[in-house]
Amino acid sequence: MILKVIAYLALVLTIVPPFMFLADSIEVEAMKNVMIVGFVMWFATAPFGFKDQKTS
């Protein structure tokens, strides 16, 4: 359960920063840093957090 929450948080960290950059809320380097953290978190947690889901 906790891995799934972390995976979703990581996905948010990957998707939201480009929109914040377009709105001039953050600089490009901050956007890149946040997206890298989200990318690493996603690939570290998603395989384990979602492996128990059954496919139909």
C-alpha atoms as a PDB file:
ATOM      1  CA  MET A   1       0.000   0.000   0.000  1.00  0.00           C
ATOM      2  CA  ILE A   2       2.700   2.502   0.950  1.00  0.00           C
ATOM      3  CA  LEU A   3       4.687   1.726  -2.201  1.00  0.00           C
ATOM      4  CA  LYS A   4       1.625   2.491  -4.293  1.00  0.00           C
ATOM      5  CA  VAL A   5       1.235   5.893  -2.606  1.00  0.00           C
ATOM      6  CA  ILE A   6       4.916   6.671  -3.160  1.00  0.00           C
ATOM      7  CA  ALA A   7       4.612   5.600  -6.796  1.00  0.00           C
ATOM      8  CA  TYR A   8       1.669   7.938  -7.365  1.00  0.00           C
ATOM      9  CA  LEU A   9       3.542  10.768  -5.653  1.00  0.00           C
ATOM     10  CA  ALA A  10       6.505  10.095  -7.936  1.00  0.00           C
ATOM     11  CA  LEU A  11       4.222  10.241 -10.958  1.00  0.00           C
ATOM     12  CA  VAL A  12       2.962  13.629  -9.803  1.00  0.00           C
ATOM     13  CA  LEU A  13       6.576  14.790  -9.400  1.00  0.00           C
ATOM     14  CA  THR A  14       7.170  13.781 -13.011  1.00  0.00           C
ATOM     15  CA  ILE A  15       4.040  15.320 -14.561  1.00  0.00           C
ATOM     16  CA  VAL A  16       3.453  18.581 -12.672  1.00  0.00           C
ATOM     17  CA  PRO A  17       6.831  20.404 -12.967  1.00  0.00           C
ATOM     18  CA  PRO A  18       6.646  21.065 -16.744  1.00  0.00           C
ATOM     19  CA  PHE A  19       3.312  22.817 -16.251  1.00  0.00           C
ATOM     20  CA  MET A  20       4.779  24.825 -13.382  1.00  0.00           C
ATOM     21  CA  PHE A  21       7.671  25.793 -15.648  1.00  0.00           C
ATOM     22  CA  LEU A  22       5.273  26.914 -18.370  1.00  0.00           C
ATOM     23  CA  ALA A  23       3.482  29.055 -15.797  1.00  0.00           C
ATOM     24  CA  ASP A  24       6.835  30.593 -14.747  1.00  0.00           C
ATOM     25  CA  SER A  25       6.473  29.180 -11.235  1.00  0.00           C
ATOM     26  CA  ILE A  26       9.850  27.395 -11.233  1.00  0.00           C
ATOM     27  CA  GLU A  27      13.114  27.622 -13.125  1.00  0.00           C
ATOM     28  CA  VAL A  28      14.257  25.019 -15.642  1.00  0.00           C
ATOM     29  CA  GLU A  29      16.934  23.553 -13.349  1.00  0.00           C
ATOM     30  CA  ALA A  30      14.466  23.092 -10.501  1.00  0.00           C
ATOM     31  CA  MET A  31      12.049  21.444 -12.924  1.00  0.00           C
ATOM     32  CA  LYS A  32      14.731  19.028 -14.104  1.00  0.00           C
ATOM     33  CA  ASN A  33      15.783  18.162 -10.559  1.00  0.00           C
ATOM     34  CA  VAL A  34      12.236  17.467  -9.396  1.00  0.00           C
ATOM     35  CA  MET A  35      11.514  15.380 -12.487  1.00  0.00           C
ATOM     36  CA  ILE A  36      14.670  13.304 -11.986  1.00  0.00           C
ATOM     37  CA  VAL A  37      13.695  12.595  -8.391  1.00  0.00           C
ATOM     38  CA  GLY A  38      10.197  11.610  -9.528  1.00  0.00           C
ATOM     39  CA  PHE A  39      11.613   9.426 -12.303  1.00  0.00           C
ATOM     40  CA  VAL A  40      13.894   7.529  -9.932  1.00  0.00           C
ATOM     41  CA  MET A  41      11.149   7.158  -7.322  1.00  0.00           C
ATOM     42  CA  TRP A  42       8.677   5.894  -9.943  1.00  0.00           C
ATOM     43  CA  PHE A  43      10.978   3.216 -11.319  1.00  0.00           C
ATOM     44  CA  ALA A  44      12.050   2.183  -7.828  1.00  0.00           C
ATOM     45  CA  THR A  45       8.544   1.779  -6.406  1.00  0.00           C
ATOM     46  CA  ALA A  46       6.070   1.121  -9.246  1.00  0.00           C
ATOM     47  CA  PRO A  47       7.142  -2.457 -10.055  1.00  0.00           C
ATOM     48  CA  PHE A  48       6.738  -3.486  -6.423  1.00  0.00           C
ATOM     49  CA  GLY A  49       3.684  -1.369  -5.619  1.00  0.00           C
ATOM     50  CA  PHE A  50       1.613  -2.566  -8.567  1.00  0.00           C
ATOM     51  CA  LYS A  51       2.786  -6.162  -8.986  1.00  0.00           C
ATOM     52  CA  ASP A  52      -0.078  -7.588  -6.939  1.00  0.00           C
ATOM     53  CA  GLN A  53      -2.762  -6.201  -9.284  1.00  0.00           C
ATOM     54  CA  LYS A  54      -4.507  -8.776 -11.410  1.00  0.00           C
ATOM     55  CA  THR A  55      -4.841  -8.191 -15.123  1.00  0.00           C
ATOM     56  CA  SER A  56      -8.043  -9.085 -16.893  1.00  0.00           C
END
